[in-house]
N, C-alpha and C. Protein backbone atom coordinates (compact mmCIF):
# COMPACT_ATOMS: atom_id res chain seq x y z
N UNK A 1 -23.43 -30.06 -10.74
CA UNK A 1 -22.33 -29.58 -10.76
C UNK A 1 -21.80 -30.85 -9.79
N UNK A 2 -20.49 -31.36 -10.46
CA UNK A 2 -19.74 -32.46 -9.46
C UNK A 2 -18.97 -31.43 -8.43
N UNK A 3 -18.49 -32.55 -7.79
CA UNK A 3 -17.73 -32.34 -6.73
C UNK A 3 -16.21 -31.00 -6.99
N UNK A 4 -16.22 -31.93 -8.39
CA UNK A 4 -14.92 -30.95 -8.88
C UNK A 4 -15.08 -29.53 -9.22
N UNK A 5 -16.50 -29.40 -9.82
CA UNK A 5 -16.76 -28.24 -10.18
C UNK A 5 -16.65 -27.37 -8.84
N UNK A 6 -17.69 -27.81 -8.08
CA UNK A 6 -17.96 -27.32 -6.71
C UNK A 6 -16.62 -26.52 -6.15
N UNK A 7 -15.43 -27.19 -5.94
CA UNK A 7 -13.97 -27.24 -5.33
C UNK A 7 -13.06 -26.46 -6.56
N UNK A 8 -13.39 -26.38 -7.80
CA UNK A 8 -12.84 -25.56 -8.69
C UNK A 8 -13.21 -24.01 -8.60
N UNK A 9 -14.96 -23.92 -8.27
CA UNK A 9 -15.01 -22.78 -8.05
C UNK A 9 -14.88 -21.75 -6.79
N UNK A 10 -15.08 -22.66 -5.61
CA UNK A 10 -14.07 -22.34 -4.38
C UNK A 10 -12.91 -21.91 -4.48
N UNK A 11 -12.05 -22.73 -5.27
CA UNK A 11 -10.70 -22.29 -5.02
C UNK A 11 -10.46 -20.75 -5.98
N UNK A 12 -11.43 -20.60 -7.26
CA UNK A 12 -11.67 -19.34 -7.85
C UNK A 12 -12.12 -18.36 -7.43
N UNK A 13 -13.31 -18.41 -6.21
CA UNK A 13 -13.56 -17.33 -5.25
C UNK A 13 -12.55 -17.17 -4.24
N UNK A 14 -11.56 -17.93 -3.75
CA UNK A 14 -10.55 -17.84 -2.77
C UNK A 14 -9.28 -16.86 -3.39
N UNK A 15 -9.20 -17.41 -4.26
CA UNK A 15 -7.94 -16.59 -5.30
C UNK A 15 -8.41 -15.16 -5.88
N UNK A 16 -9.97 -14.83 -5.90
CA UNK A 16 -10.33 -13.60 -6.15
C UNK A 16 -10.00 -12.57 -5.07
N UNK A 17 -10.57 -13.35 -3.95
CA UNK A 17 -10.80 -12.57 -2.67
C UNK A 17 -9.59 -12.23 -2.23
N UNK A 18 -8.76 -13.17 -2.19
CA UNK A 18 -7.10 -12.80 -1.72
C UNK A 18 -6.38 -11.55 -2.66
N UNK A 19 -6.74 -12.02 -3.87
CA UNK A 19 -6.06 -10.85 -4.54
C UNK A 19 -6.84 -9.02 -4.45
N UNK A 20 -7.87 -9.52 -4.15
CA UNK A 20 -8.88 -7.89 -3.87
C UNK A 20 -8.22 -7.69 -2.63
N UNK A 21 -7.90 -8.61 -1.61
CA UNK A 21 -7.52 -8.06 0.03
C UNK A 21 -5.94 -7.75 -0.10
N UNK A 22 -5.38 -8.15 -0.93
CA UNK A 22 -3.90 -7.85 -1.13
C UNK A 22 -4.08 -6.35 -1.84
N UNK A 23 -4.71 -6.21 -2.86
CA UNK A 23 -4.93 -4.88 -3.39
C UNK A 23 -4.93 -3.83 -2.31
N UNK A 24 -6.06 -3.83 -1.22
CA UNK A 24 -6.77 -3.06 -0.20
C UNK A 24 -5.62 -2.95 0.45
N UNK A 25 -4.69 -3.89 0.81
CA UNK A 25 -3.80 -3.83 1.89
C UNK A 25 -2.74 -2.99 1.42
N UNK A 26 -1.96 -2.96 0.20
CA UNK A 26 -1.28 -2.40 -0.70
C UNK A 26 -1.63 -0.83 -0.67
N UNK A 27 -3.14 -0.22 -0.88
CA UNK A 27 -3.50 0.85 -1.19
C UNK A 27 -3.58 1.53 0.10
N UNK A 28 -3.94 0.54 0.94
CA UNK A 28 -4.09 1.33 2.67
C UNK A 28 -2.45 1.20 3.04
N UNK A 29 -1.72 0.58 2.98
CA UNK A 29 -0.34 0.56 3.17
C UNK A 29 0.56 1.80 2.42
N UNK A 30 -0.14 2.18 1.27
CA UNK A 30 0.60 3.08 0.37
C UNK A 30 -0.02 4.74 1.17
N UNK A 31 -1.09 4.51 1.47
CA UNK A 31 -2.06 5.74 2.26
C UNK A 31 -1.06 5.94 3.52
N UNK A 32 -1.03 4.76 4.16
CA UNK A 32 -0.56 5.31 5.41
C UNK A 32 1.18 5.77 5.23
N UNK A 33 1.99 5.08 4.44
CA UNK A 33 3.28 5.58 4.42
C UNK A 33 3.01 7.36 3.33
N UNK A 34 2.39 7.40 2.73
CA UNK A 34 2.08 8.92 2.17
C UNK A 34 1.75 9.82 3.18
N UNK A 35 1.09 9.08 3.98
CA UNK A 35 0.87 10.32 5.47
C UNK A 35 2.08 10.67 6.56
N UNK A 36 2.63 9.26 6.52
CA UNK A 36 3.85 9.30 7.26
C UNK A 36 5.08 10.46 6.54
N UNK A 37 5.04 10.44 5.40
CA UNK A 37 6.11 10.85 4.43
C UNK A 37 5.76 12.57 4.46
N UNK A 38 3.97 12.89 4.92
CA UNK A 38 3.88 13.93 4.30
C UNK A 38 4.17 14.49 5.96
N UNK A 39 4.03 13.95 7.01
CA UNK A 39 4.51 14.53 7.99
C UNK A 39 5.98 15.32 7.80
N UNK A 40 6.75 14.15 7.27
CA UNK A 40 8.19 14.27 7.67
C UNK A 40 8.56 15.64 6.42
N UNK A 41 7.83 15.77 5.67
CA UNK A 41 7.70 16.85 4.65
C UNK A 41 7.12 18.10 5.32
N UNK A 42 6.28 17.81 6.56
CA UNK A 42 5.82 19.35 6.89
C UNK A 42 4.83 19.67 6.47
N UNK A 43 3.91 18.83 5.46
CA UNK A 43 2.57 19.11 5.01
C UNK A 43 1.15 19.44 5.77
N UNK A 44 0.74 20.10 5.45
CA UNK A 44 -0.64 20.47 6.65
C UNK A 44 -1.42 19.26 6.23
N UNK A 45 -2.58 18.92 6.72
CA UNK A 45 -3.62 18.10 6.88
C UNK A 45 -4.47 17.78 5.59
N UNK A 46 -4.49 18.89 4.76
CA UNK A 46 -5.14 18.34 3.33
C UNK A 46 -4.16 18.00 2.45
N UNK A 47 -2.87 18.94 2.36
CA UNK A 47 -1.97 18.75 1.64
C UNK A 47 -1.38 17.24 1.87
N UNK A 48 -1.67 16.76 3.29
CA UNK A 48 -1.32 15.53 3.25
C UNK A 48 -2.17 14.50 2.78
N UNK A 49 -3.24 14.47 2.76
CA UNK A 49 -3.95 13.82 2.10
C UNK A 49 -4.22 13.49 0.55
N UNK A 50 -3.65 14.70 0.54
CA UNK A 50 -3.49 15.04 -1.34
C UNK A 50 -2.12 13.87 -1.63
N UNK A 51 -1.45 14.39 -0.70
CA UNK A 51 0.19 13.47 -1.23
C UNK A 51 -0.12 12.08 -1.39
N UNK A 52 -0.96 11.66 -0.08
CA UNK A 52 -1.22 10.00 0.21
C UNK A 52 -1.94 9.66 -1.01
N UNK A 53 -2.87 10.65 -1.73
CA UNK A 53 -3.49 9.77 -3.10
C UNK A 53 -2.14 9.70 -4.12
N UNK A 54 -1.39 10.70 -3.69
CA UNK A 54 -0.36 10.24 -5.05
C UNK A 54 0.55 9.45 -4.65
N UNK A 55 0.82 9.24 -3.83
CA UNK A 55 1.77 7.94 -3.09
C UNK A 55 0.82 6.89 -3.72
N UNK A 56 -0.58 6.63 -3.39
CA UNK A 56 -1.33 5.49 -3.96
C UNK A 56 -1.45 5.05 -5.91
N UNK A 57 -1.63 6.46 -6.30
CA UNK A 57 -1.01 6.55 -7.43
C UNK A 57 0.03 6.09 -8.10
N UNK A 58 0.93 6.50 -7.39
CA UNK A 58 2.45 5.85 -8.21
C UNK A 58 2.33 4.51 -8.01
N UNK A 59 2.09 3.53 -6.84
CA UNK A 59 1.94 2.31 -7.20
C UNK A 59 1.39 1.60 -8.22
N UNK A 60 0.85 2.48 -9.08
CA UNK A 60 -0.05 1.78 -9.91
C UNK A 60 0.41 1.89 -11.27
N UNK A 61 1.81 2.59 -11.22
CA UNK A 61 2.32 2.41 -12.59
C UNK A 61 2.94 1.11 -12.80
N UNK A 62 3.37 0.02 -12.14
CA UNK A 62 4.14 -1.19 -12.47
C UNK A 62 4.22 -1.90 -10.90
N UNK A 63 4.05 -3.39 -11.44
CA UNK A 63 4.06 -4.21 -10.47
C UNK A 63 4.95 -4.02 -9.50
N UNK A 64 4.83 -4.29 -8.39
CA UNK A 64 5.98 -4.47 -7.22
C UNK A 64 6.19 -2.80 -6.54
N UNK A 65 6.85 -2.56 -5.48
CA UNK A 65 6.89 -1.62 -4.70
C UNK A 65 8.27 -0.34 -5.30
N UNK A 66 8.47 -0.85 -6.43
CA UNK A 66 9.96 -0.08 -6.75
C UNK A 66 9.23 1.39 -7.04
N UNK A 67 8.15 1.45 -7.52
CA UNK A 67 7.27 2.57 -8.30
C UNK A 67 7.28 3.58 -6.77
N UNK A 68 7.10 3.00 -5.70
CA UNK A 68 6.48 3.74 -4.83
C UNK A 68 7.74 4.15 -4.08
N UNK A 69 8.48 3.52 -3.60
CA UNK A 69 9.90 3.81 -3.28
C UNK A 69 10.87 4.74 -4.36
N UNK A 70 10.66 4.65 -5.17
CA UNK A 70 10.91 5.91 -6.39
C UNK A 70 10.72 7.30 -6.07
N UNK A 71 9.26 7.37 -5.82
CA UNK A 71 8.61 8.51 -5.40
C UNK A 71 9.04 8.96 -4.37
N UNK A 72 9.28 8.15 -3.12
CA UNK A 72 9.37 8.58 -1.94
C UNK A 72 10.56 8.67 -1.89
N UNK A 73 11.69 7.94 -2.29
CA UNK A 73 13.24 8.53 -2.69
C UNK A 73 13.09 10.12 -2.69
N UNK A 74 12.98 10.14 -4.17
CA UNK A 74 12.57 11.79 -4.42
C UNK A 74 12.37 12.67 -4.08
N UNK A 75 10.79 12.42 -3.04
CA UNK A 75 10.74 13.43 -2.53
C UNK A 75 11.18 13.90 -1.27
N UNK A 76 11.32 12.65 -0.42
CA UNK A 76 12.35 12.66 0.55
C UNK A 76 13.37 12.91 1.18
N UNK A 77 14.40 13.17 -0.44
CA UNK A 77 15.56 13.23 -0.38
C UNK A 77 16.00 14.51 0.18
N UNK A 78 15.62 15.51 0.25
CA UNK A 78 15.55 16.74 0.92
C UNK A 78 15.50 16.98 2.44
N UNK A 79 15.13 15.86 3.03
CA UNK A 79 14.46 16.10 4.37
C UNK A 79 15.51 14.64 4.95
N UNK A 80 16.43 14.08 4.29
CA UNK A 80 17.13 13.57 4.80
C UNK A 80 17.26 11.78 4.87
N UNK A 81 15.89 11.44 4.43
CA UNK A 81 15.20 9.95 4.62
C UNK A 81 15.84 9.50 3.53
N UNK A 82 16.34 8.07 3.71
CA UNK A 82 16.94 7.33 2.53
C UNK A 82 16.16 6.11 2.64
N UNK A 83 16.60 5.79 1.54
CA UNK A 83 15.65 4.36 0.84
C UNK A 83 15.59 3.71 1.45
N UNK A 84 16.75 2.86 2.68
CA UNK A 84 16.56 2.28 3.87
C UNK A 84 15.31 2.32 5.04
N UNK A 85 15.29 3.46 4.98
CA UNK A 85 14.14 4.09 6.17
C UNK A 85 13.16 4.11 5.36
N UNK A 86 13.03 4.36 4.23
CA UNK A 86 11.47 4.04 3.61
C UNK A 86 11.22 2.82 3.22
N UNK A 87 12.07 2.07 3.07
CA UNK A 87 11.45 0.62 3.04
C UNK A 87 11.22 -0.15 4.13
N UNK A 88 11.59 0.65 5.44
CA UNK A 88 11.28 0.38 6.69
C UNK A 88 9.94 0.68 7.16
N UNK A 89 9.50 1.77 6.54
CA UNK A 89 8.62 2.19 6.84
C UNK A 89 7.58 1.63 6.07
N UNK A 90 7.75 1.42 4.89
CA UNK A 90 6.57 0.20 3.92
C UNK A 90 6.17 -0.93 4.55
N UNK A 91 7.55 -1.70 5.20
CA UNK A 91 7.08 -2.71 5.97
C UNK A 91 6.27 -2.63 7.06
N UNK A 92 6.93 -1.51 8.03
CA UNK A 92 5.80 -1.19 8.79
C UNK A 92 4.28 -1.11 8.82
N UNK A 93 4.41 -0.40 7.97
CA UNK A 93 2.90 0.53 7.39
C UNK A 93 2.26 -0.78 7.21
N UNK A 94 2.71 -2.06 6.08
CA UNK A 94 1.92 -2.86 5.74
C UNK A 94 1.64 -3.52 6.81
N UNK A 95 2.32 -4.07 7.97
CA UNK A 95 1.50 -4.81 8.91
C UNK A 95 0.10 -3.70 9.52
N UNK A 96 0.49 -2.73 9.87
CA UNK A 96 -0.66 -1.97 10.60
C UNK A 96 -1.68 -1.84 9.14
N UNK A 97 -1.60 -1.71 7.98
CA UNK A 97 -2.58 -2.18 6.92
C UNK A 97 -3.15 -3.31 6.75
N UNK A 98 -2.42 -4.26 7.03
CA UNK A 98 -3.29 -5.82 6.75
C UNK A 98 -3.74 -6.11 8.23
N UNK A 99 -3.35 -5.54 9.54
CA UNK A 99 -4.39 -5.54 10.46
C UNK A 99 -5.70 -4.52 10.62
N UNK A 100 -5.51 -3.60 9.65
CA UNK A 100 -7.16 -2.46 9.47
C UNK A 100 -8.07 -3.08 8.64
N UNK A 101 -7.19 -3.78 7.51
CA UNK A 101 -8.01 -4.39 6.58
C UNK A 101 -8.97 -5.83 7.41
N UNK A 102 -7.89 -6.76 7.67
CA UNK A 102 -8.60 -7.81 8.64
C UNK A 102 -9.73 -7.48 9.66
N UNK A 103 -9.37 -6.14 9.99
CA UNK A 103 -10.45 -6.12 11.42
C UNK A 103 -11.49 -5.65 10.39
N UNK A 104 -11.82 -4.68 9.50
CA UNK A 104 -12.56 -4.15 8.65
C UNK A 104 -13.36 -5.61 8.05
N UNK A 105 -13.07 -6.38 7.66
CA UNK A 105 -13.37 -7.32 6.59
C UNK A 105 -13.88 -8.61 7.24
């Protein structure tokens, strides 16, 4: 192999690793924000885990965060939590999720 091939393979491996890391961070963030929302909804521990899984799955509907935000806005409207608070919670939980993933990996 040439140096160019080695470099290309290294970039491809890094890209794949970075993409996997971002997916894990997003999934962890969605779980954390799902648990946060479940608490606001007054769900018990088992219901909270189930709800958090639903939030994770909602993020697979389309690229970006809008699918998760739509779900949370609809679910939390009855408890007085608006879109701005949800976006803030997503940002806060993303920081925590990234720290957890980096510490684990």
